[in-house]
N, C-alpha and C. Protein backbone atom coordinates (compact mmCIF):
# COMPACT_ATOMS: atom_id res chain seq x y z
N MET A 1 123.65 123.75 159.87
CA MET A 1 122.75 123.57 158.13
C MET A 1 122.96 121.95 158.06
N PRO A 2 121.71 121.62 157.25
CA PRO A 2 121.60 120.42 157.08
C PRO A 2 122.21 120.09 155.73
N GLN A 3 122.71 119.16 155.40
CA GLN A 3 123.19 119.12 153.93
C GLN A 3 121.97 118.57 153.07
N ALA A 4 122.55 118.77 151.51
CA ALA A 4 121.22 117.77 150.62
C ALA A 4 122.45 117.52 149.87
N MET A 5 121.61 116.01 149.02
CA MET A 5 122.51 115.58 148.22
C MET A 5 121.18 115.65 146.95
N ILE A 6 122.10 115.65 145.67
CA ILE A 6 121.26 115.92 144.34
C ILE A 6 121.37 113.98 143.66
N LEU A 7 120.37 113.85 143.13
CA LEU A 7 120.42 112.03 142.85
C LEU A 7 120.62 112.53 141.45
N ALA A 8 121.91 111.82 140.95
CA ALA A 8 122.12 112.53 139.41
C ALA A 8 122.90 110.72 139.10
N ALA A 9 122.17 109.54 139.35
CA ALA A 9 122.77 108.13 138.88
C ALA A 9 122.44 107.99 137.61
N GLY A 10 121.02 107.95 137.54
CA GLY A 10 120.44 107.32 136.48
C GLY A 10 120.79 106.94 134.81
N ARG A 11 120.52 106.16 134.59
CA ARG A 11 121.08 106.50 133.42
C ARG A 11 120.40 107.41 131.90
N GLY A 12 118.74 107.43 132.26
CA GLY A 12 117.92 108.00 131.33
C GLY A 12 117.58 107.25 130.18
N GLU A 13 117.17 106.11 130.37
CA GLU A 13 116.68 105.03 129.38
C GLU A 13 115.57 105.87 128.12
N ARG A 14 114.79 106.44 128.84
CA ARG A 14 113.69 107.32 127.84
C ARG A 14 114.32 108.29 127.47
N MET A 15 115.32 108.78 127.73
CA MET A 15 115.52 110.16 127.00
C MET A 15 116.70 109.83 125.79
N ARG A 16 117.13 108.65 125.48
CA ARG A 16 118.08 108.34 124.93
C ARG A 16 116.78 108.56 123.03
N PRO A 17 117.95 109.00 122.39
CA PRO A 17 119.40 109.00 122.06
C PRO A 17 120.09 110.04 123.03
N LEU A 18 119.21 111.19 123.52
CA LEU A 18 120.12 112.09 124.26
C LEU A 18 121.12 112.18 125.16
N THR A 19 120.82 110.58 125.82
CA THR A 19 121.90 110.43 126.94
C THR A 19 122.39 109.36 126.79
N ASP A 20 122.72 108.82 125.55
CA ASP A 20 124.06 108.06 125.24
C ASP A 20 125.42 109.03 125.55
N ARG A 21 125.63 110.17 125.30
CA ARG A 21 126.69 110.58 125.34
C ARG A 21 126.43 111.48 126.68
N THR A 22 125.54 111.78 127.07
CA THR A 22 125.47 112.97 127.98
C THR A 22 124.54 112.44 129.45
N PRO A 23 125.30 112.32 130.67
CA PRO A 23 124.03 112.37 131.83
C PRO A 23 122.72 113.21 131.64
N LYS A 24 121.99 112.30 131.83
CA LYS A 24 120.38 113.00 131.77
C LYS A 24 120.71 114.44 132.69
N CYS A 25 120.82 114.69 133.82
CA CYS A 25 121.51 115.88 135.07
C CYS A 25 121.80 116.84 133.93
N LEU A 26 122.72 116.54 132.92
CA LEU A 26 123.29 117.44 132.42
C LEU A 26 122.61 117.96 131.32
N LEU A 27 121.59 117.62 130.57
CA LEU A 27 120.84 118.13 129.85
C LEU A 27 120.08 119.35 130.04
N GLU A 28 120.17 120.51 128.99
CA GLU A 28 119.89 121.89 129.40
C GLU A 28 118.55 121.93 129.22
N ALA A 29 117.96 123.18 130.05
CA ALA A 29 116.65 123.68 130.33
C ALA A 29 116.96 125.06 130.33
N GLY A 30 116.52 126.23 129.28
CA GLY A 30 116.68 127.37 129.44
C GLY A 30 118.51 127.74 129.13
N GLY A 31 119.15 126.69 128.47
CA GLY A 31 120.42 127.26 128.42
C GLY A 31 121.32 127.02 129.34
N LYS A 32 120.83 126.16 130.59
CA LYS A 32 121.72 125.59 131.50
C LYS A 32 121.23 124.21 132.34
N PRO A 33 121.88 123.27 132.52
CA PRO A 33 121.92 121.96 132.78
C PRO A 33 120.97 121.78 133.80
N LEU A 34 120.56 120.75 133.80
CA LEU A 34 119.12 120.65 135.15
C LEU A 34 120.03 120.49 136.87
N ILE A 35 121.28 119.85 136.50
CA ILE A 35 121.09 119.90 137.93
C ILE A 35 121.60 121.01 138.21
N GLN A 36 122.01 122.09 137.12
CA GLN A 36 122.68 123.41 137.57
C GLN A 36 121.82 124.15 138.42
N TRP A 37 120.28 124.23 137.81
CA TRP A 37 119.25 124.53 138.43
C TRP A 37 119.27 124.45 140.04
N HIS A 38 119.36 123.11 140.07
CA HIS A 38 119.19 122.58 141.79
C HIS A 38 120.57 123.01 142.18
N VAL A 39 121.41 123.06 142.39
CA VAL A 39 122.92 123.45 142.59
C VAL A 39 122.90 124.95 143.06
N GLU A 40 122.19 125.86 142.18
CA GLU A 40 122.07 127.30 142.55
C GLU A 40 120.56 127.43 143.77
N ALA A 41 119.81 126.83 143.12
CA ALA A 41 118.74 126.67 144.31
C ALA A 41 118.87 126.35 145.65
N LEU A 42 119.48 125.18 145.75
CA LEU A 42 120.44 124.92 147.47
C LEU A 42 120.91 125.95 147.56
N GLN A 43 121.75 126.64 146.82
CA GLN A 43 122.85 127.85 147.44
C GLN A 43 122.14 128.72 148.07
N ALA A 44 121.16 129.04 147.31
CA ALA A 44 120.23 130.18 147.65
C ALA A 44 119.44 129.69 148.94
N ALA A 45 118.63 128.88 148.67
CA ALA A 45 118.14 128.07 150.27
C ALA A 45 119.46 128.45 151.36
N GLY A 46 120.83 128.54 150.82
CA GLY A 46 121.44 128.23 152.43
C GLY A 46 122.47 126.95 152.66
N PHE A 47 122.06 125.93 151.67
CA PHE A 47 122.93 124.96 151.90
C PHE A 47 124.08 124.79 151.01
N ALA A 48 125.19 124.70 152.02
CA ALA A 48 126.75 124.68 151.73
C ALA A 48 127.55 123.68 151.08
N ASP A 49 126.84 122.51 151.61
CA ASP A 49 127.51 121.06 151.26
C ASP A 49 126.76 120.70 150.72
N ILE A 50 127.13 120.00 149.50
CA ILE A 50 126.49 118.78 148.46
C ILE A 50 126.96 117.98 148.38
N ALA A 51 126.42 116.73 147.99
CA ALA A 51 126.73 115.53 147.43
C ALA A 51 125.99 114.91 146.48
N ILE A 52 126.63 114.69 145.35
CA ILE A 52 125.87 113.91 144.32
C ILE A 52 126.63 112.41 143.98
N ASN A 53 125.97 111.45 143.94
CA ASN A 53 125.91 110.42 143.02
C ASN A 53 125.55 110.69 141.75
N HIS A 54 127.06 109.48 141.19
CA HIS A 54 126.73 109.45 139.61
C HIS A 54 127.05 108.30 139.63
N ALA A 55 126.59 107.44 137.97
CA ALA A 55 127.20 106.17 137.95
C ALA A 55 127.31 106.26 136.00
N TRP A 56 126.40 106.16 135.54
CA TRP A 56 126.18 106.68 133.73
C TRP A 56 127.18 108.15 133.52
N LEU A 57 128.26 108.17 132.80
CA LEU A 57 128.98 109.29 132.45
C LEU A 57 128.80 109.98 133.64
N GLY A 58 129.54 109.71 134.66
CA GLY A 58 129.51 110.65 136.14
C GLY A 58 130.74 111.73 135.66
N GLY A 59 131.74 111.23 134.98
CA GLY A 59 133.20 112.06 135.12
C GLY A 59 132.50 113.36 134.32
N GLN A 60 131.49 113.37 133.54
CA GLN A 60 131.05 114.63 132.92
C GLN A 60 130.44 115.38 133.96
N ILE A 61 129.35 115.33 135.24
CA ILE A 61 129.54 115.77 136.11
C ILE A 61 130.32 116.23 136.94
N GLU A 62 131.30 115.38 136.92
CA GLU A 62 132.14 116.38 137.74
C GLU A 62 133.25 116.91 137.27
N SER A 63 133.23 117.05 135.57
CA SER A 63 134.06 117.93 135.34
C SER A 63 133.38 119.22 135.18
N TYR A 64 132.06 119.08 134.80
CA TYR A 64 130.89 120.43 134.62
C TYR A 64 130.69 121.27 135.43
N LEU A 65 130.72 120.75 137.29
CA LEU A 65 130.46 120.78 138.15
C LEU A 65 131.92 121.65 139.32
N GLY A 66 132.93 120.57 139.02
CA GLY A 66 133.90 120.92 139.36
C GLY A 66 133.43 120.53 141.19
N ASP A 67 134.33 121.46 142.10
CA ASP A 67 134.17 121.38 143.59
C ASP A 67 133.09 121.96 143.99
N GLY A 68 132.25 122.69 143.12
CA GLY A 68 131.06 123.43 143.46
C GLY A 68 131.86 124.94 143.71
N SER A 69 132.73 125.50 143.87
CA SER A 69 132.84 126.65 144.23
C SER A 69 132.85 127.76 143.22
N ARG A 70 132.92 127.77 141.95
CA ARG A 70 131.95 128.92 141.03
C ARG A 70 130.30 129.04 141.12
N PHE A 71 129.89 128.12 142.10
CA PHE A 71 128.77 128.44 142.18
C PHE A 71 128.23 128.81 143.88
N GLY A 72 129.37 128.90 144.67
CA GLY A 72 129.52 129.43 145.88
C GLY A 72 128.98 127.70 147.28
N VAL A 73 129.21 126.21 146.40
CA VAL A 73 128.88 125.85 147.44
C VAL A 73 130.13 124.77 147.06
N ARG A 74 130.19 123.64 148.27
CA ARG A 74 131.20 122.50 148.83
C ARG A 74 130.45 121.32 147.92
N ILE A 75 130.93 120.81 146.58
CA ILE A 75 130.38 119.65 145.91
C ILE A 75 131.42 118.21 146.15
N ARG A 76 130.62 117.10 146.93
CA ARG A 76 131.51 115.93 147.02
C ARG A 76 130.58 115.21 146.12
N TYR A 77 131.35 114.19 146.13
CA TYR A 77 130.97 112.77 144.56
C TYR A 77 130.70 111.57 145.50
N SER A 78 129.90 110.88 145.26
CA SER A 78 129.83 109.73 145.24
C SER A 78 129.65 108.67 144.44
N SER A 79 130.61 108.07 143.80
CA SER A 79 130.75 107.43 141.99
C SER A 79 130.05 105.77 142.44
N GLU A 80 129.16 105.83 141.72
CA GLU A 80 128.32 103.87 141.91
C GLU A 80 129.44 103.46 140.91
N GLY A 81 129.79 103.69 139.79
CA GLY A 81 129.90 102.50 138.73
C GLY A 81 128.61 101.88 137.88
N THR A 82 128.14 101.24 138.86
CA THR A 82 126.86 100.77 138.41
C THR A 82 125.57 101.49 139.27
N ALA A 83 124.97 102.25 138.85
CA ALA A 83 123.66 102.94 139.86
C ALA A 83 123.35 101.54 140.78
N LEU A 84 122.86 102.18 141.87
CA LEU A 84 122.47 101.23 143.17
C LEU A 84 121.16 101.82 143.86
N GLU A 85 120.46 102.29 142.38
CA GLU A 85 118.82 102.64 142.72
C GLU A 85 119.16 103.94 144.11
N THR A 86 117.85 104.12 143.99
CA THR A 86 117.83 105.40 145.02
C THR A 86 118.11 105.02 146.27
N ALA A 87 117.80 104.40 147.25
CA ALA A 87 118.28 104.06 148.72
C ALA A 87 119.59 103.71 148.17
N GLY A 88 119.90 102.83 147.28
CA GLY A 88 121.13 102.19 147.65
C GLY A 88 122.52 103.38 147.14
N GLY A 89 121.56 103.89 146.92
CA GLY A 89 122.73 105.31 146.96
C GLY A 89 123.57 106.24 147.74
N ILE A 90 121.74 106.87 147.73
CA ILE A 90 122.33 107.42 149.49
C ILE A 90 123.07 106.63 150.41
N ALA A 91 122.42 105.30 150.59
CA ALA A 91 123.23 104.25 151.61
C ALA A 91 125.07 105.07 151.42
N LYS A 92 125.22 104.58 150.14
CA LYS A 92 126.94 104.91 149.64
C LYS A 92 127.17 106.09 149.85
N ALA A 93 126.39 107.24 150.39
CA ALA A 93 126.99 108.72 150.00
C ALA A 93 126.71 109.19 151.17
N LEU A 94 126.45 108.16 152.12
CA LEU A 94 126.36 108.94 153.67
C LEU A 94 127.43 109.34 154.44
N PRO A 95 128.28 108.56 154.17
CA PRO A 95 129.82 109.38 154.52
C PRO A 95 130.08 110.83 154.31
N LEU A 96 129.10 111.07 152.96
CA LEU A 96 129.68 112.73 152.53
C LEU A 96 128.37 113.66 153.69
N LEU A 97 127.82 113.25 154.36
CA LEU A 97 126.42 113.61 154.60
C LEU A 97 126.54 113.67 155.88
N GLU A 98 126.74 114.86 156.58
CA GLU A 98 126.95 114.93 158.13
C GLU A 98 125.42 115.70 158.85
N GLY A 99 125.74 115.47 160.09
CA GLY A 99 124.34 115.55 160.99
C GLY A 99 123.57 114.57 160.69
N GLU A 100 122.28 114.59 161.26
CA GLU A 100 121.23 113.50 161.54
C GLU A 100 120.34 113.87 160.43
N CYS A 101 119.58 114.70 160.06
CA CYS A 101 118.96 114.99 158.57
C CYS A 101 119.59 115.65 157.46
N PHE A 102 119.03 115.28 156.36
CA PHE A 102 119.78 115.59 155.27
C PHE A 102 118.53 115.61 154.05
N VAL A 103 118.83 116.67 152.99
CA VAL A 103 117.53 117.26 152.27
C VAL A 103 117.92 116.26 150.35
N VAL A 104 117.30 115.57 150.40
CA VAL A 104 117.16 114.95 148.64
C VAL A 104 116.37 115.12 147.81
N VAL A 105 117.14 115.41 146.71
CA VAL A 105 116.23 116.01 145.71
C VAL A 105 116.31 114.94 144.42
N ASN A 106 115.70 115.17 143.50
CA ASN A 106 116.29 114.16 141.93
C ASN A 106 116.44 114.43 141.40
N GLY A 107 117.41 114.66 140.56
CA GLY A 107 118.74 115.52 139.71
C GLY A 107 117.91 115.73 138.51
N ASP A 108 116.52 115.10 138.28
CA ASP A 108 116.19 115.25 136.66
C ASP A 108 114.31 115.98 136.94
N ILE A 109 114.23 116.39 137.75
CA ILE A 109 113.12 117.33 137.75
C ILE A 109 113.15 118.48 137.52
N PHE A 110 112.63 119.70 136.89
CA PHE A 110 112.86 121.25 137.12
C PHE A 110 111.39 121.60 138.06
N THR A 111 112.02 122.35 138.86
CA THR A 111 110.96 123.50 139.62
C THR A 111 111.65 124.69 140.25
N ASP A 112 110.89 125.25 140.78
CA ASP A 112 111.14 126.70 141.67
C ASP A 112 110.76 126.32 142.88
N PHE A 113 110.84 124.89 143.65
CA PHE A 113 110.69 125.13 144.99
C PHE A 113 111.62 125.35 146.19
N ASP A 114 111.26 126.19 146.93
CA ASP A 114 112.02 127.13 147.70
C ASP A 114 112.94 126.24 148.72
N PHE A 115 113.88 125.52 148.52
CA PHE A 115 114.58 124.46 149.30
C PHE A 115 114.67 124.81 150.85
N ALA A 116 114.42 126.14 151.13
CA ALA A 116 114.88 127.24 152.56
C ALA A 116 113.94 126.35 153.33
N ALA A 117 112.04 126.30 152.46
CA ALA A 117 111.08 125.84 153.24
C ALA A 117 111.56 124.33 153.59
N LEU A 118 112.39 123.73 153.90
CA LEU A 118 112.63 122.62 154.11
C LEU A 118 113.52 122.85 155.42
N LEU A 119 114.50 123.64 155.92
CA LEU A 119 115.14 123.83 156.70
C LEU A 119 114.28 123.72 158.28
N PRO A 120 113.19 124.53 158.53
CA PRO A 120 112.59 123.65 159.42
C PRO A 120 112.30 122.27 160.11
N ARG A 121 111.66 122.06 158.36
CA ARG A 121 111.37 120.67 158.54
C ARG A 121 112.50 119.63 158.73
N ALA A 122 113.62 119.76 158.58
CA ALA A 122 114.87 119.03 158.89
C ALA A 122 115.43 119.21 160.25
N ALA A 123 115.04 120.33 161.36
CA ALA A 123 114.97 120.65 162.64
C ALA A 123 113.92 120.11 163.69
N MET A 124 113.14 119.88 163.14
CA MET A 124 111.55 119.31 163.42
C MET A 124 112.01 117.41 163.13
N LEU A 125 112.34 117.07 161.89
CA LEU A 125 112.25 115.68 161.96
C LEU A 125 113.37 115.17 163.03
N ALA A 126 115.01 116.01 163.04
CA ALA A 126 115.85 115.52 164.00
C ALA A 126 115.35 115.20 165.00
N SER A 127 114.47 115.80 165.72
CA SER A 127 114.01 115.68 167.28
C SER A 127 112.75 114.76 167.38
N HIS A 128 111.81 114.52 166.37
CA HIS A 128 110.62 113.56 166.05
C HIS A 128 111.41 112.22 165.58
N ALA A 129 109.93 111.50 165.87
CA ALA A 129 110.17 110.12 165.49
C ALA A 129 110.05 109.79 164.14
N LYS A 130 109.42 110.28 163.40
CA LYS A 130 108.97 110.04 162.26
C LYS A 130 110.60 110.04 161.54
N ASN A 131 110.58 109.29 160.07
CA ASN A 131 112.10 108.85 159.67
C ASN A 131 112.64 110.06 158.66
N ALA A 132 110.90 110.51 157.94
CA ALA A 132 111.46 111.44 156.56
C ALA A 132 109.91 112.30 156.46
N HIS A 133 110.63 113.01 155.47
CA HIS A 133 109.43 114.21 155.34
C HIS A 133 109.28 114.23 153.58
N LEU A 134 108.64 114.13 153.15
CA LEU A 134 108.14 114.26 151.72
C LEU A 134 107.05 115.50 150.73
N VAL A 135 107.86 115.75 149.81
CA VAL A 135 106.84 117.12 148.88
C VAL A 135 106.22 116.30 147.86
N LEU A 136 104.80 116.10 148.00
CA LEU A 136 103.90 116.16 147.01
C LEU A 136 103.62 117.26 146.34
N VAL A 137 103.47 116.61 145.01
CA VAL A 137 102.79 117.65 144.13
C VAL A 137 101.47 117.05 143.36
N ASN A 138 100.68 117.44 142.56
CA ASN A 138 99.45 117.25 142.06
C ASN A 138 100.02 116.11 141.01
N ASN A 139 99.18 115.48 140.70
CA ASN A 139 99.83 114.40 139.87
C ASN A 139 99.70 114.94 138.33
N PRO A 140 100.77 114.72 137.80
CA PRO A 140 100.69 115.01 136.39
C PRO A 140 100.24 113.62 135.33
N ALA A 141 100.32 113.85 134.31
CA ALA A 141 99.33 113.14 133.27
C ALA A 141 100.22 111.41 132.94
N HIS A 142 101.19 111.48 133.38
CA HIS A 142 102.31 110.27 133.07
C HIS A 142 101.79 109.45 134.42
N ASN A 143 101.30 109.50 135.53
CA ASN A 143 101.66 109.08 137.08
C ASN A 143 99.98 109.78 137.48
N ALA A 144 99.01 109.54 136.82
CA ALA A 144 97.75 109.97 136.93
C ALA A 144 96.85 109.58 137.94
N LYS A 145 97.26 108.25 139.08
CA LYS A 145 97.25 107.70 139.84
C LYS A 145 97.25 107.99 141.40
N GLY A 146 98.97 108.76 141.22
CA GLY A 146 99.42 109.22 142.22
C GLY A 146 100.39 108.06 142.69
N ASP A 147 100.89 108.34 144.10
CA ASP A 147 101.91 107.44 144.64
C ASP A 147 101.13 107.52 146.04
N PHE A 148 100.77 108.80 146.95
CA PHE A 148 100.69 108.84 148.41
C PHE A 148 99.19 109.73 148.62
N SER A 149 98.95 109.83 149.73
CA SER A 149 97.64 110.63 150.11
C SER A 149 98.12 111.69 151.25
N LEU A 150 97.86 112.71 151.73
CA LEU A 150 97.85 113.72 152.70
C LEU A 150 97.17 113.21 153.68
N GLU A 151 96.89 112.89 155.25
CA GLU A 151 96.32 113.29 156.04
C GLU A 151 96.72 114.02 157.10
N GLY A 152 96.01 115.48 156.73
CA GLY A 152 96.87 116.60 157.66
C GLY A 152 98.56 116.32 157.33
N LYS A 153 99.59 116.51 157.87
CA LYS A 153 100.76 116.37 158.12
C LYS A 153 101.34 114.49 157.51
N ARG A 154 100.49 113.44 157.71
CA ARG A 154 100.96 112.61 157.83
C ARG A 154 100.77 111.91 156.43
N VAL A 155 101.76 111.44 155.68
CA VAL A 155 101.82 111.02 154.46
C VAL A 155 100.90 109.55 154.40
N THR A 156 99.98 109.08 154.16
CA THR A 156 99.84 107.56 153.84
C THR A 156 99.07 107.34 152.71
N PHE A 157 98.26 106.00 152.89
CA PHE A 157 97.86 105.04 151.39
C PHE A 157 96.63 105.40 150.87
N ALA A 158 95.76 106.40 151.62
CA ALA A 158 94.39 106.25 151.43
C ALA A 158 93.78 107.15 150.03
N SER A 159 92.98 106.54 149.39
CA SER A 159 92.97 106.40 148.03
C SER A 159 92.43 107.91 147.51
N SER A 160 92.03 108.89 148.42
CA SER A 160 91.69 110.19 147.72
C SER A 160 92.17 111.06 149.00
N PRO A 161 92.78 112.34 148.29
CA PRO A 161 93.25 112.63 146.93
C PRO A 161 94.50 111.94 147.01
N PRO A 162 94.52 111.26 145.57
CA PRO A 162 95.93 111.06 145.44
C PRO A 162 96.83 112.09 145.02
N TYR A 163 98.51 111.53 145.61
CA TYR A 163 99.43 113.05 145.18
C TYR A 163 100.43 111.89 144.43
N THR A 164 101.52 112.87 143.72
CA THR A 164 102.52 112.40 143.54
C THR A 164 104.32 112.94 144.04
N PHE A 165 104.66 112.21 144.64
CA PHE A 165 106.27 112.00 145.25
C PHE A 165 106.55 113.07 143.98
N SER A 166 107.29 114.24 144.65
CA SER A 166 107.74 115.03 144.10
C SER A 166 109.57 114.55 143.89
N GLY A 167 109.87 114.04 144.51
CA GLY A 167 111.58 113.53 144.33
C GLY A 167 112.28 114.48 145.28
N ILE A 168 111.59 115.31 146.12
CA ILE A 168 112.11 116.06 147.11
C ILE A 168 112.10 115.60 148.51
N GLY A 169 112.62 115.75 149.19
CA GLY A 169 112.80 115.06 150.40
C GLY A 169 113.41 115.35 151.67
N VAL A 170 113.28 115.45 153.10
CA VAL A 170 114.07 115.37 154.09
C VAL A 170 114.56 113.80 154.68
N TYR A 171 115.27 113.42 154.72
CA TYR A 171 115.56 111.87 155.06
C TYR A 171 116.26 111.58 156.77
N LYS A 172 116.50 110.88 157.72
CA LYS A 172 116.99 110.55 158.95
C LYS A 172 117.91 109.38 158.30
N ARG A 173 119.45 109.64 158.71
CA ARG A 173 120.61 108.93 158.01
C ARG A 173 120.16 107.13 158.38
N SER A 174 119.37 107.46 159.40
CA SER A 174 119.09 106.09 160.38
C SER A 174 118.30 105.59 159.64
N PHE A 175 117.09 106.71 158.63
CA PHE A 175 116.58 105.42 157.79
C PHE A 175 117.21 104.40 156.76
N PHE A 176 118.12 104.69 156.22
CA PHE A 176 119.05 103.60 155.73
C PHE A 176 120.18 102.96 156.00
N ALA A 177 119.82 102.71 157.55
CA ALA A 177 120.76 102.25 158.39
C ALA A 177 121.15 100.79 158.32
N TYR A 178 120.40 100.13 157.45
CA TYR A 178 119.98 98.83 157.24
C TYR A 178 120.54 98.08 156.15
N ILE A 179 120.75 99.66 154.99
CA ILE A 179 121.54 99.09 153.79
C ILE A 179 123.04 98.92 153.80
N VAL A 180 123.00 97.74 153.12
CA VAL A 180 125.01 97.52 152.76
C VAL A 180 125.67 98.58 151.71
N PRO A 181 125.84 99.43 152.38
CA PRO A 181 126.68 100.65 151.51
C PRO A 181 127.36 99.40 149.98
N GLY A 182 126.71 100.21 149.44
CA GLY A 182 127.78 99.19 147.62
C GLY A 182 126.22 98.42 147.13
N THR A 183 125.48 98.32 148.15
CA THR A 183 124.20 97.02 147.51
C THR A 183 123.12 98.31 147.04
N ARG A 184 122.52 97.28 145.67
CA ARG A 184 121.58 98.18 145.30
C ARG A 184 119.85 97.88 146.21
N ALA A 185 119.11 98.95 145.76
CA ALA A 185 118.20 99.37 147.07
C ALA A 185 117.27 100.20 146.41
N ALA A 186 115.84 99.93 146.45
CA ALA A 186 114.98 100.95 145.85
C ALA A 186 114.53 101.90 146.99
N LEU A 187 113.78 102.95 147.24
CA LEU A 187 113.49 103.85 147.67
C LEU A 187 112.02 103.18 148.55
N GLY A 188 111.43 102.88 147.20
CA GLY A 188 109.97 102.90 147.77
C GLY A 188 109.39 101.71 148.27
N PRO A 189 110.11 100.52 148.71
CA PRO A 189 109.77 99.58 149.86
C PRO A 189 109.98 100.37 151.05
N LEU A 190 111.36 100.94 151.34
CA LEU A 190 111.46 101.40 152.57
C LEU A 190 110.02 102.79 152.87
N LEU A 191 109.85 103.42 151.77
CA LEU A 191 108.70 104.53 152.36
C LEU A 191 107.66 104.06 152.42
N LYS A 192 107.31 102.77 151.65
CA LYS A 192 105.48 102.00 151.98
C LYS A 192 105.78 101.41 153.09
N GLN A 193 106.99 101.13 153.98
CA GLN A 193 107.20 100.12 154.79
C GLN A 193 107.09 101.05 156.26
N ALA A 194 107.41 102.40 156.14
CA ALA A 194 107.69 103.51 157.11
C ALA A 194 106.17 104.17 157.14
N ILE A 195 105.23 104.42 156.09
CA ILE A 195 103.89 105.23 155.81
C ILE A 195 103.23 104.31 156.48
N SER A 196 103.09 102.70 156.00
CA SER A 196 102.37 101.80 157.14
C SER A 196 102.17 102.37 158.36
N GLN A 197 103.26 102.42 158.91
CA GLN A 197 103.67 102.18 160.47
C GLN A 197 103.35 103.91 160.87
N GLY A 198 102.96 105.03 160.22
CA GLY A 198 103.14 106.56 160.12
C GLY A 198 104.09 107.22 160.42
N ASP A 199 105.13 106.79 160.02
CA ASP A 199 106.79 107.19 160.17
C ASP A 199 107.08 108.32 158.98
N ILE A 200 106.17 108.76 158.18
CA ILE A 200 106.51 110.05 157.09
C ILE A 200 105.43 110.75 157.25
N SER A 201 106.36 112.21 157.52
CA SER A 201 105.20 113.70 157.21
C SER A 201 105.16 113.99 155.65
N GLY A 202 104.64 114.57 155.38
CA GLY A 202 104.87 115.55 153.98
C GLY A 202 103.73 116.91 154.15
N CYS A 203 103.99 117.33 152.82
CA CYS A 203 103.19 118.80 152.90
C CYS A 203 102.96 118.39 150.99
N LYS A 204 102.37 119.37 150.81
CA LYS A 204 102.01 119.59 149.55
C LYS A 204 102.45 120.85 148.48
N TYR A 205 103.30 120.44 147.60
CA TYR A 205 103.61 121.88 146.95
C TYR A 205 102.59 122.19 145.51
N ASP A 206 102.46 123.39 145.70
CA ASP A 206 101.61 123.74 144.14
C ASP A 206 102.12 124.68 143.00
N GLY A 207 103.65 124.78 143.69
CA GLY A 207 104.22 125.60 142.39
C GLY A 207 104.70 124.72 141.49
N LEU A 208 105.54 125.22 140.64
CA LEU A 208 106.27 124.73 139.17
C LEU A 208 106.80 123.24 139.72
N TRP A 209 106.43 122.64 138.87
CA TRP A 209 107.08 120.88 139.30
C TRP A 209 107.11 120.09 137.77
N LEU A 210 108.17 119.59 137.51
CA LEU A 210 108.15 118.73 136.42
C LEU A 210 108.87 117.59 136.22
N ASP A 211 108.53 116.34 136.06
CA ASP A 211 109.55 115.91 136.05
C ASP A 211 109.92 115.24 134.67
N VAL A 212 111.11 115.80 134.40
CA VAL A 212 111.78 115.76 132.58
C VAL A 212 112.54 114.11 132.63
N GLY A 213 111.53 113.55 132.27
CA GLY A 213 111.68 112.21 131.86
C GLY A 213 111.35 111.76 130.54
N THR A 214 111.08 112.79 129.50
CA THR A 214 111.29 111.75 127.95
C THR A 214 111.69 113.37 127.17
N PRO A 215 112.17 113.70 125.88
CA PRO A 215 112.59 114.61 125.23
C PRO A 215 111.49 115.25 125.18
N GLU A 216 110.46 115.06 125.10
CA GLU A 216 108.87 115.70 125.40
C GLU A 216 108.55 116.67 126.30
N ARG A 217 108.78 116.14 127.77
CA ARG A 217 109.23 117.17 128.88
C ARG A 217 110.38 118.10 128.96
N LEU A 218 111.78 117.67 128.35
CA LEU A 218 112.90 117.91 128.42
C LEU A 218 112.24 119.42 127.64
N ALA A 219 111.95 119.44 126.80
CA ALA A 219 111.38 120.75 125.85
C ALA A 219 110.42 121.28 126.74
N GLN A 220 109.59 120.82 127.25
CA GLN A 220 108.77 121.48 127.99
C GLN A 220 109.22 122.44 129.42
N ALA A 221 110.69 121.59 129.87
CA ALA A 221 111.23 122.59 130.63
C ALA A 221 112.07 123.26 130.36
N ASP A 222 112.29 123.37 129.30
CA ASP A 222 113.35 124.07 128.00
C ASP A 222 112.75 125.55 128.27
N GLN A 223 111.15 125.55 127.93
CA GLN A 223 110.31 126.46 127.52
C GLN A 223 109.98 127.15 129.13
N LEU A 224 109.50 126.34 130.19
CA LEU A 224 109.24 127.16 131.48
C LEU A 224 110.29 127.77 132.24
N ALA A 225 111.65 126.79 131.62
CA ALA A 225 112.84 128.18 132.28
C ALA A 225 113.03 129.07 131.36
N ARG A 226 113.17 128.97 129.83
CA ARG A 226 113.19 130.24 129.33
C ARG A 226 112.20 131.46 129.55
N ASP A 227 111.15 131.01 130.05
CA ASP A 227 110.41 132.11 130.32
C ASP A 227 110.81 132.43 131.90
N ARG A 228 111.40 131.78 132.70
CA ARG A 228 111.40 132.08 133.77
C ARG A 228 112.61 133.06 133.71
N LEU A 229 113.43 133.15 132.97
CA LEU A 229 114.55 134.25 132.42
C LEU A 229 114.38 135.47 131.91
N SER A 230 113.24 135.21 131.33
CA SER A 230 113.09 136.37 130.22
C SER A 230 112.13 137.45 131.23
């Protein structure tokens, strides 16, 4: 069974002052922290082991989630002190992730994506030459130009139609092999290089997805969560 990692090290500058005393992933939607929605969704999809990286106010995340037992999972933490960016954070957490492939999700999105859909993708990736599989979504207003395109099941830079990277993906651990653990490294350059070489597969998700990057979008996520719970 592949493991999963939730990225939770971001400072959340655009969320201030809400994030001055609370990690962004612990901000609530529908009376529940954003990161708890992910933990519960991953558990429901069959992921029993979850790694979480943190930096800003990370102790609060550990205090709230604990070892994961009350959610039916095992949670282990990768403390960064100073945020290492996405690729750097994943590279540092690799000792907590067993197996060749693992699922990664941004802690600051709100979605009803079924992570079980990534299990066959992870199995295929483990025996395939490609290095990662990305979930893409329609472009939100704040990213109208999009990030990448799809040609069949291959992620490309074609200009039409462009989609936005959802922050959900499956990666091979070897994809991060050249990053020295504990150093800062962005994910974007790694993805762009691999995409230019045809090494990234992808799919499009048309369900609920929201990048909770501002107080206004947090309010939107809160309403969406309450609608789901009603």
